[in-house]
Amino acid sequence: MIETHPKWSKEEFICFILIYASYADLDFSQDEKQNIMHRISNGQFNDIMNEYHSMVDLEKIKIIELYKPMYYQNNSKQEELLSIIEEQFKIDGSYGLFEKALMEQLKRIISD
């Protein structure tokens, strides 16, 4: 499935990774959803959310690894993505331990 994944646009990939980040604390808040919805259409959001829920964790990480070189090849672009993710973690007013742990994991994946 991962090898034949249809090509997402940069914004669709960002939507996916922000959904992934939003579930770090096991609570996908309305504020987090609204932040994502500013980037993408409702239909695209629903399609990506459905795909997200159909995957196991390892597949989600493989998707991030697959798309990273397409849109985030250099350090400045990687830092830009990490900044977007960190903003998503903080959007609901808290930045807890689970979110911080996932941020460290994403830094290793994205900056690798």
PDB file of N, CA and C in Angstrom:
ATOM      1  N   MET A   1       0.814  -1.192   0.000  1.00  0.00           N
ATOM      2  CA  MET A   1       0.000   0.000   0.000  1.00  0.00           C
ATOM      3  C   MET A   1       0.860   1.260   0.000  1.00  0.00           C
ATOM      4  N   ILE A   2       1.877   1.291   0.827  1.00  0.00           N
ATOM      5  CA  ILE A   2       2.710   2.485   0.958  1.00  0.00           C
ATOM      6  C   ILE A   2       3.439   2.769  -0.353  1.00  0.00           C
ATOM      7  N   GLU A   3       4.004   1.732  -0.977  1.00  0.00           N
ATOM      8  CA  GLU A   3       4.775   1.929  -2.201  1.00  0.00           C
ATOM      9  C   GLU A   3       3.920   2.470  -3.335  1.00  0.00           C
ATOM     10  N   THR A   4       2.644   2.149  -3.337  1.00  0.00           N
ATOM     11  CA  THR A   4       1.744   2.581  -4.403  1.00  0.00           C
ATOM     12  C   THR A   4       0.840   3.717  -3.957  1.00  0.00           C
ATOM     13  N   HIS A   5       1.220   4.393  -2.913  1.00  0.00           N
ATOM     14  CA  HIS A   5       0.399   5.469  -2.380  1.00  0.00           C
ATOM     15  C   HIS A   5       0.228   6.572  -3.420  1.00  0.00           C
ATOM     16  N   PRO A   6      -1.019   7.037  -3.605  1.00  0.00           N
ATOM     17  CA  PRO A   6      -1.217   8.133  -4.566  1.00  0.00           C
ATOM     18  C   PRO A   6      -0.512   9.394  -4.095  1.00  0.00           C
ATOM     19  N   LYS A   7      -0.051  10.163  -5.030  1.00  0.00           N
ATOM     20  CA  LYS A   7       0.718  11.349  -4.672  1.00  0.00           C
ATOM     21  C   LYS A   7      -0.189  12.426  -4.088  1.00  0.00           C
ATOM     22  N   TRP A   8       0.115  12.804  -2.855  1.00  0.00           N
ATOM     23  CA  TRP A   8      -0.572  13.920  -2.220  1.00  0.00           C
ATOM     24  C   TRP A   8       0.150  15.208  -2.576  1.00  0.00           C
ATOM     25  N   SER A   9      -0.603  16.286  -2.596  1.00  0.00           N
ATOM     26  CA  SER A   9       0.019  17.604  -2.705  1.00  0.00           C
ATOM     27  C   SER A   9       0.732  17.902  -1.388  1.00  0.00           C
ATOM     28  N   LYS A  10       1.521  18.951  -1.400  1.00  0.00           N
ATOM     29  CA  LYS A  10       2.209  19.362  -0.179  1.00  0.00           C
ATOM     30  C   LYS A  10       1.200  19.657   0.928  1.00  0.00           C
ATOM     31  N   GLU A  11       0.119  20.352   0.600  1.00  0.00           N
ATOM     32  CA  GLU A  11      -0.885  20.691   1.612  1.00  0.00           C
ATOM     33  C   GLU A  11      -1.609  19.454   2.139  1.00  0.00           C
ATOM     34  N   GLU A  12      -1.841  18.471   1.278  1.00  0.00           N
ATOM     35  CA  GLU A  12      -2.460  17.220   1.729  1.00  0.00           C
ATOM     36  C   GLU A  12      -1.521  16.469   2.667  1.00  0.00           C
ATOM     37  N   PHE A  13      -0.242  16.455   2.340  1.00  0.00           N
ATOM     38  CA  PHE A  13       0.730  15.823   3.225  1.00  0.00           C
ATOM     39  C   PHE A  13       0.780  16.547   4.567  1.00  0.00           C
ATOM     40  N   ILE A  14       0.787  17.875   4.544  1.00  0.00           N
ATOM     41  CA  ILE A  14       0.774  18.636   5.799  1.00  0.00           C
ATOM     42  C   ILE A  14      -0.476  18.285   6.600  1.00  0.00           C
ATOM     43  N   CYS A  15      -1.610  18.179   5.937  1.00  0.00           N
ATOM     44  CA  CYS A  15      -2.844  17.788   6.621  1.00  0.00           C
ATOM     45  C   CYS A  15      -2.661  16.447   7.322  1.00  0.00           C
ATOM     46  N   PHE A  16      -2.090  15.481   6.617  1.00  0.00           N
ATOM     47  CA  PHE A  16      -1.867  14.160   7.204  1.00  0.00           C
ATOM     48  C   PHE A  16      -0.981  14.240   8.439  1.00  0.00           C
ATOM     49  N   ILE A  17       0.133  14.931   8.316  1.00  0.00           N
ATOM     50  CA  ILE A  17       1.076  14.986   9.438  1.00  0.00           C
ATOM     51  C   ILE A  17       0.488  15.780  10.609  1.00  0.00           C
ATOM     52  N   LEU A  18      -0.361  16.762  10.334  1.00  0.00           N
ATOM     53  CA  LEU A  18      -1.008  17.506  11.421  1.00  0.00           C
ATOM     54  C   LEU A  18      -2.081  16.665  12.105  1.00  0.00           C
ATOM     55  N   ILE A  19      -2.769  15.828  11.358  1.00  0.00           N
ATOM     56  CA  ILE A  19      -3.709  14.882  11.981  1.00  0.00           C
ATOM     57  C   ILE A  19      -2.922  13.936  12.886  1.00  0.00           C
ATOM     58  N   TYR A  20      -1.821  13.425  12.365  1.00  0.00           N
ATOM     59  CA  TYR A  20      -0.955  12.531  13.146  1.00  0.00           C
ATOM     60  C   TYR A  20      -0.509  13.215  14.435  1.00  0.00           C
ATOM     61  N   ALA A  21      -0.072  14.445  14.325  1.00  0.00           N
ATOM     62  CA  ALA A  21       0.378  15.197  15.500  1.00  0.00           C
ATOM     63  C   ALA A  21      -0.769  15.458  16.469  1.00  0.00           C
ATOM     64  N   SER A  22      -1.934  15.722  15.940  1.00  0.00           N
ATOM     65  CA  SER A  22      -3.076  16.063  16.787  1.00  0.00           C
ATOM     66  C   SER A  22      -3.502  14.922  17.695  1.00  0.00           C
ATOM     67  N   TYR A  23      -3.262  13.711  17.275  1.00  0.00           N
ATOM     68  CA  TYR A  23      -3.632  12.559  18.094  1.00  0.00           C
ATOM     69  C   TYR A  23      -2.567  12.185  19.119  1.00  0.00           C
ATOM     70  N   ALA A  24      -1.492  12.938  19.220  1.00  0.00           N
ATOM     71  CA  ALA A  24      -0.415  12.621  20.164  1.00  0.00           C
ATOM     72  C   ALA A  24      -0.914  12.543  21.596  1.00  0.00           C
ATOM     73  N   ASP A  25      -1.818  13.455  21.951  1.00  0.00           N
ATOM     74  CA  ASP A  25      -2.354  13.461  23.317  1.00  0.00           C
ATOM     75  C   ASP A  25      -3.685  12.721  23.407  1.00  0.00           C
ATOM     76  N   LEU A  26      -4.006  11.972  22.356  1.00  0.00           N
ATOM     77  CA  LEU A  26      -5.219  11.154  22.279  1.00  0.00           C
ATOM     78  C   LEU A  26      -6.508  11.974  22.235  1.00  0.00           C
ATOM     79  N   ASP A  27      -6.394  13.260  21.975  1.00  0.00           N
ATOM     80  CA  ASP A  27      -7.561  14.140  21.907  1.00  0.00           C
ATOM     81  C   ASP A  27      -7.404  15.077  20.722  1.00  0.00           C
ATOM     82  N   PHE A  28      -8.171  14.804  19.672  1.00  0.00           N
ATOM     83  CA  PHE A  28      -8.147  15.649  18.478  1.00  0.00           C
ATOM     84  C   PHE A  28      -9.180  16.758  18.703  1.00  0.00           C
ATOM     85  N   SER A  29      -8.689  17.907  19.148  1.00  0.00           N
ATOM     86  CA  SER A  29      -9.589  18.994  19.548  1.00  0.00           C
ATOM     87  C   SER A  29     -10.163  19.732  18.344  1.00  0.00           C
ATOM     88  N   GLN A  30     -11.236  20.461  18.590  1.00  0.00           N
ATOM     89  CA  GLN A  30     -11.860  21.283  17.553  1.00  0.00           C
ATOM     90  C   GLN A  30     -10.879  22.355  17.062  1.00  0.00           C
ATOM     91  N   ASP A  31     -10.093  22.934  17.963  1.00  0.00           N
ATOM     92  CA  ASP A  31      -9.094  23.934  17.570  1.00  0.00           C
ATOM     93  C   ASP A  31      -8.069  23.328  16.614  1.00  0.00           C
ATOM     94  N   GLU A  32      -7.643  22.103  16.899  1.00  0.00           N
ATOM     95  CA  GLU A  32      -6.677  21.431  16.024  1.00  0.00           C
ATOM     96  C   GLU A  32      -7.299  21.170  14.651  1.00  0.00           C
ATOM     97  N   LYS A  33      -8.539  20.725  14.640  1.00  0.00           N
ATOM     98  CA  LYS A  33      -9.231  20.474  13.376  1.00  0.00           C
ATOM     99  C   LYS A  33      -9.368  21.771  12.575  1.00  0.00           C
ATOM    100  N   GLN A  34      -9.772  22.831  13.228  1.00  0.00           N
ATOM    101  CA  GLN A  34      -9.946  24.120  12.542  1.00  0.00           C
ATOM    102  C   GLN A  34      -8.633  24.602  11.940  1.00  0.00           C
ATOM    103  N   ASN A  35      -7.540  24.426  12.644  1.00  0.00           N
ATOM    104  CA  ASN A  35      -6.236  24.829  12.129  1.00  0.00           C
ATOM    105  C   ASN A  35      -5.902  24.073  10.842  1.00  0.00           C
ATOM    106  N   ILE A  36      -6.232  22.814  10.795  1.00  0.00           N
ATOM    107  CA  ILE A  36      -5.993  22.012   9.592  1.00  0.00           C
ATOM    108  C   ILE A  36      -6.940  22.437   8.473  1.00  0.00           C
ATOM    109  N   MET A  37      -8.192  22.702   8.819  1.00  0.00           N
ATOM    110  CA  MET A  37      -9.204  23.040   7.818  1.00  0.00           C
ATOM    111  C   MET A  37      -8.895  24.358   7.101  1.00  0.00           C
ATOM    112  N   HIS A  38      -8.057  25.192   7.683  1.00  0.00           N
ATOM    113  CA  HIS A  38      -7.650  26.427   7.004  1.00  0.00           C
ATOM    114  C   HIS A  38      -6.711  26.135   5.835  1.00  0.00           C
ATOM    115  N   ARG A  39      -6.181  24.947   5.782  1.00  0.00           N
ATOM    116  CA  ARG A  39      -5.180  24.583   4.779  1.00  0.00           C
ATOM    117  C   ARG A  39      -5.751  23.764   3.623  1.00  0.00           C
ATOM    118  N   ILE A  40      -6.937  23.192   3.798  1.00  0.00           N
ATOM    119  CA  ILE A  40      -7.388  22.148   2.885  1.00  0.00           C
ATOM    120  C   ILE A  40      -8.914  22.140   2.819  1.00  0.00           C
ATOM    121  N   SER A  41      -9.466  21.598   1.763  1.00  0.00           N
ATOM    122  CA  SER A  41     -10.924  21.537   1.632  1.00  0.00           C
ATOM    123  C   SER A  41     -11.504  20.471   2.565  1.00  0.00           C
ATOM    124  N   ASN A  42     -12.781  20.586   2.820  1.00  0.00           N
ATOM    125  CA  ASN A  42     -13.471  19.633   3.689  1.00  0.00           C
ATOM    126  C   ASN A  42     -13.397  18.213   3.112  1.00  0.00           C
ATOM    127  N   GLY A  43     -13.580  18.092   1.803  1.00  0.00           N
ATOM    128  CA  GLY A  43     -13.510  16.779   1.161  1.00  0.00           C
ATOM    129  C   GLY A  43     -12.133  16.159   1.272  1.00  0.00           C
ATOM    130  N   GLN A  44     -11.109  16.955   1.029  1.00  0.00           N
ATOM    131  CA  GLN A  44      -9.734  16.455   1.154  1.00  0.00           C
ATOM    132  C   GLN A  44      -9.451  16.042   2.595  1.00  0.00           C
ATOM    133  N   PHE A  45      -9.905  16.870   3.543  1.00  0.00           N
ATOM    134  CA  PHE A  45      -9.702  16.552   4.958  1.00  0.00           C
ATOM    135  C   PHE A  45     -10.340  15.205   5.285  1.00  0.00           C
ATOM    136  N   ASN A  46     -11.585  15.013   4.873  1.00  0.00           N
ATOM    137  CA  ASN A  46     -12.281  13.760   5.170  1.00  0.00           C
ATOM    138  C   ASN A  46     -11.594  12.561   4.538  1.00  0.00           C
ATOM    139  N   ASP A  47     -11.128  12.716   3.282  1.00  0.00           N
ATOM    140  CA  ASP A  47     -10.417  11.616   2.617  1.00  0.00           C
ATOM    141  C   ASP A  47      -9.139  11.255   3.372  1.00  0.00           C
ATOM    142  N   ILE A  48      -8.387  12.264   3.767  1.00  0.00           N
ATOM    143  CA  ILE A  48      -7.122  12.008   4.467  1.00  0.00           C
ATOM    144  C   ILE A  48      -7.384  11.450   5.863  1.00  0.00           C
ATOM    145  N   MET A  49      -8.406  11.957   6.535  1.00  0.00           N
ATOM    146  CA  MET A  49      -8.763  11.433   7.860  1.00  0.00           C
ATOM    147  C   MET A  49      -9.162   9.960   7.761  1.00  0.00           C
ATOM    148  N   ASN A  50      -9.943   9.611   6.750  1.00  0.00           N
ATOM    149  CA  ASN A  50     -10.335   8.207   6.566  1.00  0.00           C
ATOM    150  C   ASN A  50      -9.119   7.330   6.295  1.00  0.00           C
ATOM    151  N   GLU A  51      -8.212   7.826   5.465  1.00  0.00           N
ATOM    152  CA  GLU A  51      -6.999   7.058   5.190  1.00  0.00           C
ATOM    153  C   GLU A  51      -6.149   6.919   6.455  1.00  0.00           C
ATOM    154  N   TYR A  52      -6.021   8.006   7.208  1.00  0.00           N
ATOM    155  CA  TYR A  52      -5.268   7.991   8.462  1.00  0.00           C
ATOM    156  C   TYR A  52      -5.802   6.883   9.382  1.00  0.00           C
ATOM    157  N   HIS A  53      -7.122   6.831   9.534  1.00  0.00           N
ATOM    158  CA  HIS A  53      -7.724   5.848  10.442  1.00  0.00           C
ATOM    159  C   HIS A  53      -7.631   4.412   9.919  1.00  0.00           C
ATOM    160  N   SER A  54      -7.362   4.252   8.631  1.00  0.00           N
ATOM    161  CA  SER A  54      -7.233   2.904   8.078  1.00  0.00           C
ATOM    162  C   SER A  54      -5.818   2.337   8.242  1.00  0.00           C
ATOM    163  N   MET A  55      -4.889   3.165   8.707  1.00  0.00           N
ATOM    164  CA  MET A  55      -3.486   2.761   8.824  1.00  0.00           C
ATOM    165  C   MET A  55      -3.115   2.384  10.251  1.00  0.00           C
ATOM    166  N   VAL A  56      -2.132   1.502  10.360  1.00  0.00           N
ATOM    167  CA  VAL A  56      -1.508   1.233  11.651  1.00  0.00           C
ATOM    168  C   VAL A  56      -0.364   2.246  11.811  1.00  0.00           C
ATOM    169  N   ASP A  57       0.161   2.358  13.029  1.00  0.00           N
ATOM    170  CA  ASP A  57       1.183   3.374  13.315  1.00  0.00           C
ATOM    171  C   ASP A  57       2.405   3.280  12.405  1.00  0.00           C
ATOM    172  N   LEU A  58       2.876   2.078  12.140  1.00  0.00           N
ATOM    173  CA  LEU A  58       4.055   1.929  11.294  1.00  0.00           C
ATOM    174  C   LEU A  58       3.797   2.472   9.888  1.00  0.00           C
ATOM    175  N   GLU A  59       2.597   2.250   9.369  1.00  0.00           N
ATOM    176  CA  GLU A  59       2.259   2.784   8.041  1.00  0.00           C
ATOM    177  C   GLU A  59       2.249   4.312   8.048  1.00  0.00           C
ATOM    178  N   LYS A  60       1.793   4.898   9.124  1.00  0.00           N
ATOM    179  CA  LYS A  60       1.770   6.365   9.231  1.00  0.00           C
ATOM    180  C   LYS A  60       3.185   6.926   9.185  1.00  0.00           C
ATOM    181  N   ILE A  61       4.089   6.282   9.882  1.00  0.00           N
ATOM    182  CA  ILE A  61       5.487   6.728   9.877  1.00  0.00           C
ATOM    183  C   ILE A  61       6.089   6.530   8.486  1.00  0.00           C
ATOM    184  N   LYS A  62       5.773   5.419   7.833  1.00  0.00           N
ATOM    185  CA  LYS A  62       6.285   5.162   6.480  1.00  0.00           C
ATOM    186  C   LYS A  62       5.776   6.224   5.500  1.00  0.00           C
ATOM    187  N   ILE A  63       4.536   6.663   5.660  1.00  0.00           N
ATOM    188  CA  ILE A  63       3.986   7.723   4.805  1.00  0.00           C
ATOM    189  C   ILE A  63       4.791   9.012   4.998  1.00  0.00           C
ATOM    190  N   ILE A  64       5.087   9.348   6.241  1.00  0.00           N
ATOM    191  CA  ILE A  64       5.880  10.551   6.521  1.00  0.00           C
ATOM    192  C   ILE A  64       7.258  10.418   5.861  1.00  0.00           C
ATOM    193  N   GLU A  65       7.874   9.255   5.997  1.00  0.00           N
ATOM    194  CA  GLU A  65       9.185   9.026   5.384  1.00  0.00           C
ATOM    195  C   GLU A  65       9.118   9.075   3.861  1.00  0.00           C
ATOM    196  N   LEU A  66       8.006   8.612   3.285  1.00  0.00           N
ATOM    197  CA  LEU A  66       7.835   8.616   1.836  1.00  0.00           C
ATOM    198  C   LEU A  66       7.707  10.037   1.281  1.00  0.00           C
ATOM    199  N   TYR A  67       6.939  10.871   1.953  1.00  0.00           N
ATOM    200  CA  TYR A  67       6.661  12.207   1.447  1.00  0.00           C
ATOM    201  C   TYR A  67       7.711  13.249   1.826  1.00  0.00           C
ATOM    202  N   LYS A  68       8.437  13.013   2.892  1.00  0.00           N
ATOM    203  CA  LYS A  68       9.443  13.997   3.342  1.00  0.00           C
ATOM    204  C   LYS A  68      10.392  14.423   2.233  1.00  0.00           C
ATOM    205  N   PRO A  69      11.003  13.516   1.497  1.00  0.00           N
ATOM    206  CA  PRO A  69      11.939  13.974   0.464  1.00  0.00           C
ATOM    207  C   PRO A  69      11.277  14.692  -0.713  1.00  0.00           C
ATOM    208  N   MET A  70       9.980  14.519  -0.886  1.00  0.00           N
ATOM    209  CA  MET A  70       9.285  15.198  -1.982  1.00  0.00           C
ATOM    210  C   MET A  70       9.153  16.696  -1.722  1.00  0.00           C
ATOM    211  N   TYR A  71       8.922  17.053  -0.471  1.00  0.00           N
ATOM    212  CA  TYR A  71       8.594  18.447  -0.157  1.00  0.00           C
ATOM    213  C   TYR A  71       9.548  19.096   0.850  1.00  0.00           C
ATOM    214  N   TYR A  72      10.336  18.304   1.549  1.00  0.00           N
ATOM    215  CA  TYR A  72      11.168  18.843   2.637  1.00  0.00           C
ATOM    216  C   TYR A  72      12.585  18.277   2.559  1.00  0.00           C
ATOM    217  N   GLN A  73      13.268  18.596   1.458  1.00  0.00           N
ATOM    218  CA  GLN A  73      14.588  18.025   1.211  1.00  0.00           C
ATOM    219  C   GLN A  73      15.697  18.691   2.005  1.00  0.00           C
ATOM    220  N   ASN A  74      15.579  19.978   2.300  1.00  0.00           N
ATOM    221  CA  ASN A  74      16.694  20.665   2.959  1.00  0.00           C
ATOM    222  C   ASN A  74      16.321  21.132   4.368  1.00  0.00           C
ATOM    223  N   ASN A  75      17.336  21.560   5.101  1.00  0.00           N
ATOM    224  CA  ASN A  75      17.150  21.924   6.512  1.00  0.00           C
ATOM    225  C   ASN A  75      16.129  23.031   6.717  1.00  0.00           C
ATOM    226  N   SER A  76      16.139  24.058   5.880  1.00  0.00           N
ATOM    227  CA  SER A  76      15.207  25.167   6.092  1.00  0.00           C
ATOM    228  C   SER A  76      13.761  24.720   5.880  1.00  0.00           C
ATOM    229  N   LYS A  77      13.524  23.860   4.891  1.00  0.00           N
ATOM    230  CA  LYS A  77      12.169  23.349   4.669  1.00  0.00           C
ATOM    231  C   LYS A  77      11.752  22.397   5.793  1.00  0.00           C
ATOM    232  N   GLN A  78      12.697  21.618   6.283  1.00  0.00           N
ATOM    233  CA  GLN A  78      12.404  20.716   7.395  1.00  0.00           C
ATOM    234  C   GLN A  78      12.057  21.507   8.650  1.00  0.00           C
ATOM    235  N   GLU A  79      12.791  22.577   8.905  1.00  0.00           N
ATOM    236  CA  GLU A  79      12.500  23.442  10.058  1.00  0.00           C
ATOM    237  C   GLU A  79      11.127  24.098   9.912  1.00  0.00           C
ATOM    238  N   GLU A  80      10.787  24.468   8.688  1.00  0.00           N
ATOM    239  CA  GLU A  80       9.463  25.045   8.416  1.00  0.00           C
ATOM    240  C   GLU A  80       8.356  24.046   8.788  1.00  0.00           C
ATOM    241  N   LEU A  81       8.514  22.789   8.370  1.00  0.00           N
ATOM    242  CA  LEU A  81       7.531  21.758   8.691  1.00  0.00           C
ATOM    243  C   LEU A  81       7.455  21.522  10.197  1.00  0.00           C
ATOM    244  N   LEU A  82       8.591  21.432  10.847  1.00  0.00           N
ATOM    245  CA  LEU A  82       8.599  21.223  12.303  1.00  0.00           C
ATOM    246  C   LEU A  82       7.937  22.381  13.033  1.00  0.00           C
ATOM    247  N   SER A  83       8.089  23.574  12.528  1.00  0.00           N
ATOM    248  CA  SER A  83       7.438  24.743  13.118  1.00  0.00           C
ATOM    249  C   SER A  83       5.919  24.656  12.970  1.00  0.00           C
ATOM    250  N   ILE A  84       5.454  24.206  11.812  1.00  0.00           N
ATOM    251  CA  ILE A  84       4.015  24.025  11.581  1.00  0.00           C
ATOM    252  C   ILE A  84       3.466  22.977  12.551  1.00  0.00           C
ATOM    253  N   ILE A  85       4.208  21.901  12.738  1.00  0.00           N
ATOM    254  CA  ILE A  85       3.788  20.832  13.648  1.00  0.00           C
ATOM    255  C   ILE A  85       3.750  21.338  15.091  1.00  0.00           C
ATOM    256  N   GLU A  86       4.783  22.066  15.496  1.00  0.00           N
ATOM    257  CA  GLU A  86       4.815  22.590  16.865  1.00  0.00           C
ATOM    258  C   GLU A  86       3.647  23.545  17.110  1.00  0.00           C
ATOM    259  N   GLU A  87       3.318  24.353  16.121  1.00  0.00           N
ATOM    260  CA  GLU A  87       2.155  25.247  16.235  1.00  0.00           C
ATOM    261  C   GLU A  87       0.875  24.430  16.452  1.00  0.00           C
ATOM    262  N   GLN A  88       0.764  23.308  15.738  1.00  0.00           N
ATOM    263  CA  GLN A  88      -0.412  22.439  15.894  1.00  0.00           C
ATOM    264  C   GLN A  88      -0.487  21.882  17.314  1.00  0.00           C
ATOM    265  N   PHE A  89       0.654  21.490  17.862  1.00  0.00           N
ATOM    266  CA  PHE A  89       0.663  20.973  19.231  1.00  0.00           C
ATOM    267  C   PHE A  89       0.168  22.017  20.223  1.00  0.00           C
ATOM    268  N   LYS A  90       0.479  23.263  19.990  1.00  0.00           N
ATOM    269  CA  LYS A  90       0.161  24.336  20.937  1.00  0.00           C
ATOM    270  C   LYS A  90      -1.188  24.995  20.697  1.00  0.00           C
ATOM    271  N   ILE A  91      -1.856  24.671  19.594  1.00  0.00           N
ATOM    272  CA  ILE A  91      -3.058  25.380  19.179  1.00  0.00           C
ATOM    273  C   ILE A  91      -4.204  25.268  20.189  1.00  0.00           C
ATOM    274  N   ASP A  92      -4.254  24.179  20.925  1.00  0.00           N
ATOM    275  CA  ASP A  92      -5.345  23.996  21.886  1.00  0.00           C
ATOM    276  C   ASP A  92      -4.980  24.477  23.289  1.00  0.00           C
ATOM    277  N   GLY A  93      -3.857  25.169  23.405  1.00  0.00           N
ATOM    278  CA  GLY A  93      -3.493  25.777  24.686  1.00  0.00           C
ATOM    279  C   GLY A  93      -2.606  24.938  25.584  1.00  0.00           C
ATOM    280  N   SER A  94      -2.307  23.722  25.156  1.00  0.00           N
ATOM    281  CA  SER A  94      -1.416  22.890  25.970  1.00  0.00           C
ATOM    282  C   SER A  94      -0.388  22.220  25.062  1.00  0.00           C
ATOM    283  N   TYR A  95       0.749  21.915  25.643  1.00  0.00           N
ATOM    284  CA  TYR A  95       1.823  21.232  24.928  1.00  0.00           C
ATOM    285  C   TYR A  95       2.403  20.235  25.920  1.00  0.00           C
ATOM    286  N   GLY A  96       1.736  19.078  26.011  1.00  0.00           N
ATOM    287  CA  GLY A  96       2.033  18.106  27.049  1.00  0.00           C
ATOM    288  C   GLY A  96       3.143  17.131  26.720  1.00  0.00           C
ATOM    289  N   LEU A  97       3.348  16.205  27.631  1.00  0.00           N
ATOM    290  CA  LEU A  97       4.438  15.230  27.511  1.00  0.00           C
ATOM    291  C   LEU A  97       4.337  14.360  26.265  1.00  0.00           C
ATOM    292  N   PHE A  98       3.126  13.875  25.951  1.00  0.00           N
ATOM    293  CA  PHE A  98       2.959  13.034  24.770  1.00  0.00           C
ATOM    294  C   PHE A  98       3.297  13.815  23.501  1.00  0.00           C
ATOM    295  N   GLU A  99       2.871  15.067  23.454  1.00  0.00           N
ATOM    296  CA  GLU A  99       3.151  15.905  22.290  1.00  0.00           C
ATOM    297  C   GLU A  99       4.644  16.197  22.164  1.00  0.00           C
ATOM    298  N   LYS A 100       5.280  16.475  23.283  1.00  0.00           N
ATOM    299  CA  LYS A 100       6.719  16.732  23.258  1.00  0.00           C
ATOM    300  C   LYS A 100       7.496  15.490  22.829  1.00  0.00           C
ATOM    301  N   ALA A 101       7.065  14.324  23.289  1.00  0.00           N
ATOM    302  CA  ALA A 101       7.729  13.078  22.898  1.00  0.00           C
ATOM    303  C   ALA A 101       7.559  12.822  21.401  1.00  0.00           C
ATOM    304  N   LEU A 102       6.350  13.061  20.895  1.00  0.00           N
ATOM    305  CA  LEU A 102       6.134  12.870  19.460  1.00  0.00           C
ATOM    306  C   LEU A 102       6.937  13.886  18.657  1.00  0.00           C
ATOM    307  N   MET A 103       7.052  15.104  19.159  1.00  0.00           N
ATOM    308  CA  MET A 103       7.834  16.113  18.458  1.00  0.00           C
ATOM    309  C   MET A 103       9.287  15.657  18.312  1.00  0.00           C
ATOM    310  N   GLU A 104       9.846  15.068  19.355  1.00  0.00           N
ATOM    311  CA  GLU A 104      11.221  14.559  19.276  1.00  0.00           C
ATOM    312  C   GLU A 104      11.326  13.442  18.240  1.00  0.00           C
ATOM    313  N   GLN A 105      10.338  12.567  18.203  1.00  0.00           N
ATOM    314  CA  GLN A 105      10.332  11.489  17.216  1.00  0.00           C
ATOM    315  C   GLN A 105      10.230  12.070  15.805  1.00  0.00           C
ATOM    316  N   LEU A 106       9.353  13.036  15.610  1.00  0.00           N
ATOM    317  CA  LEU A 106       9.192  13.644  14.291  1.00  0.00           C
ATOM    318  C   LEU A 106      10.442  14.404  13.862  1.00  0.00           C
ATOM    319  N   LYS A 107      11.123  15.027  14.805  1.00  0.00           N
ATOM    320  CA  LYS A 107      12.389  15.704  14.474  1.00  0.00           C
ATOM    321  C   LYS A 107      13.384  14.710  13.912  1.00  0.00           C
ATOM    322  N   ARG A 108      13.464  13.526  14.518  1.00  0.00           N
ATOM    323  CA  ARG A 108      14.396  12.506  14.025  1.00  0.00           C
ATOM    324  C   ARG A 108      13.994  12.009  12.630  1.00  0.00           C
ATOM    325  N   ILE A 109      12.705  11.841  12.417  1.00  0.00           N
ATOM    326  CA  ILE A 109      12.234  11.352  11.112  1.00  0.00           C
ATOM    327  C   ILE A 109      12.421  12.414  10.030  1.00  0.00           C
ATOM    328  N   ILE A 110      12.032  13.626  10.333  1.00  0.00           N
ATOM    329  CA  ILE A 110      12.029  14.696   9.334  1.00  0.00           C
ATOM    330  C   ILE A 110      13.436  15.226   9.067  1.00  0.00           C
ATOM    331  N   SER A 111      14.270  15.274  10.081  1.00  0.00           N
ATOM    332  CA  SER A 111      15.610  15.831   9.926  1.00  0.00           C
ATOM    333  C   SER A 111      16.627  14.776   9.504  1.00  0.00           C
ATOM    334  N   ASP A 112      16.222  13.559   9.388  1.00  0.00           N
ATOM    335  CA  ASP A 112      17.121  12.449   9.054  1.00  0.00           C
ATOM    336  C   ASP A 112      17.678  12.588   7.660  1.00  0.00           C
TER     337      ASP A 112
END
